[in-house]
């Protein structure tokens, strides 16, 4: 089974600070077909991207921008975005997970 796990697991208010998966992604991981696991790994690592993170300038993936109705960031606790650039574009997983809880 493919996995982005790097064995430094810590639940950071709904997102793993090691692999940057949400708790929902982690618990449902073993039920995903391998093709979906690979796709999700590519999204998490921003190999597949929909935009550039306005905070760090790295590639990022937003499921809504990719045409889905729901994004991974809906599954984590709300973050305080007051210190970030307000461009209307989503932050990457790393930047969003580093922000304080709202």
Protein backbone atom coordinates (compact mmCIF):
# COMPACT_ATOMS: atom_id res chain seq x y z
CA UNK A 1 0.00 0.00 0.00
CA UNK A 2 1.32 3.45 -0.96
CA UNK A 3 1.48 6.04 1.81
CA UNK A 4 2.89 9.54 2.35
CA UNK A 5 3.52 8.69 6.03
CA UNK A 6 7.00 9.65 7.23
CA UNK A 7 6.52 8.22 10.76
CA UNK A 8 6.55 11.57 12.56
CA UNK A 9 2.85 11.54 13.31
CA UNK A 10 1.24 14.27 15.41
CA UNK A 11 -2.35 15.40 15.15
CA UNK A 12 -2.13 19.15 14.65
CA UNK A 13 -5.82 20.01 15.10
CA UNK A 14 -7.02 17.75 12.30
CA UNK A 15 -3.91 17.51 10.12
CA UNK A 16 -0.85 15.31 10.63
CA UNK A 17 2.24 17.47 11.08
CA UNK A 18 4.34 14.69 9.49
CA UNK A 19 2.59 13.67 6.27
CA UNK A 20 0.10 16.59 6.09
CA UNK A 21 -2.92 14.31 5.63
CA UNK A 22 -6.13 15.14 7.45
CA UNK A 23 -7.32 12.69 10.09
CA UNK A 24 -10.15 11.71 7.71
CA UNK A 25 -7.62 10.98 4.95
CA UNK A 26 -5.53 8.86 7.32
CA UNK A 27 -8.45 6.80 8.67
CA UNK A 28 -9.87 6.15 5.20
CA UNK A 29 -6.51 5.56 3.52
CA UNK A 30 -6.57 1.75 3.50
CA UNK A 31 -9.95 1.76 1.74
CA UNK A 32 -8.70 3.86 -1.21
CA UNK A 33 -7.72 2.08 -4.40
CA UNK A 34 -3.98 2.37 -5.12
CA UNK A 35 -4.61 4.78 -8.00
CA UNK A 36 -6.44 7.16 -5.63
CA UNK A 37 -3.68 6.81 -3.03
CA UNK A 38 -1.09 7.80 -5.63
CA UNK A 39 -3.25 10.71 -6.77
CA UNK A 40 -3.69 11.94 -3.18
CA UNK A 41 0.06 11.63 -2.50
CA UNK A 42 0.73 13.75 -5.59
CA UNK A 43 -1.76 16.36 -4.36
CA UNK A 44 -0.29 16.43 -0.84
CA UNK A 45 3.25 16.81 -2.22
CA UNK A 46 1.95 19.38 -4.75
CA UNK A 47 3.24 17.36 -7.70
CA UNK A 48 -0.32 17.90 -8.93
CA UNK A 49 -1.24 21.51 -8.22
CA UNK A 50 -4.05 23.91 -8.94
CA UNK A 51 -2.29 27.12 -7.88
CA UNK A 52 0.62 28.70 -6.04
CA UNK A 53 0.32 29.24 -2.29
CA UNK A 54 0.11 33.01 -1.67
CA UNK A 55 1.97 32.61 1.61
CA UNK A 56 5.10 30.64 0.58
CA UNK A 57 4.98 30.64 -3.22
CA UNK A 58 5.08 26.83 -3.47
CA UNK A 59 2.67 24.77 -5.56
CA UNK A 60 -0.56 23.81 -3.83
CA UNK A 61 -3.65 21.72 -4.51
CA UNK A 62 -7.24 22.83 -3.81
CA UNK A 63 -9.93 20.23 -4.39
CA UNK A 64 -12.55 22.92 -5.07
CA UNK A 65 -10.32 24.51 -7.71
CA UNK A 66 -9.98 21.01 -9.16
CA UNK A 67 -13.77 20.79 -9.57
CA UNK A 68 -14.87 19.02 -6.38
CA UNK A 69 -17.55 20.33 -4.01
CA UNK A 70 -15.51 19.81 -0.86
CA UNK A 71 -11.85 20.43 -0.03
CA UNK A 72 -9.50 18.67 2.41
CA UNK A 73 -9.19 21.89 4.44
CA UNK A 74 -12.85 21.61 5.52
CA UNK A 75 -11.80 18.63 7.68
CA UNK A 76 -9.34 20.49 9.91
CA UNK A 77 -9.94 23.04 12.65
CA UNK A 78 -10.25 26.61 11.43
CA UNK A 79 -7.00 28.54 11.40
CA UNK A 80 -6.36 32.23 12.10
CA UNK A 81 -5.65 33.68 8.65
CA UNK A 82 -5.11 37.27 9.85
CA UNK A 83 -1.33 37.07 9.35
CA UNK A 84 -1.54 35.76 5.76
CA UNK A 85 -1.92 37.40 2.38
CA UNK A 86 -5.63 37.71 1.58
CA UNK A 87 -5.60 36.91 -2.11
CA UNK A 88 -8.67 34.67 -2.20
CA UNK A 89 -6.42 31.71 -3.02
CA UNK A 90 -6.00 28.76 -0.68
CA UNK A 91 -2.83 28.20 1.33
CA UNK A 92 -0.83 25.02 0.90
CA UNK A 93 -1.12 22.25 3.50
CA UNK A 94 2.18 23.17 5.15
CA UNK A 95 1.36 26.87 5.55
CA UNK A 96 -2.21 26.23 6.69
CA UNK A 97 -1.14 23.64 9.25
CA UNK A 98 1.46 26.03 10.72
CA UNK A 99 -1.11 28.71 11.54
CA UNK A 100 -2.65 29.06 15.01
CA UNK A 101 -6.20 27.83 15.62
CA UNK A 102 -8.85 30.51 15.22
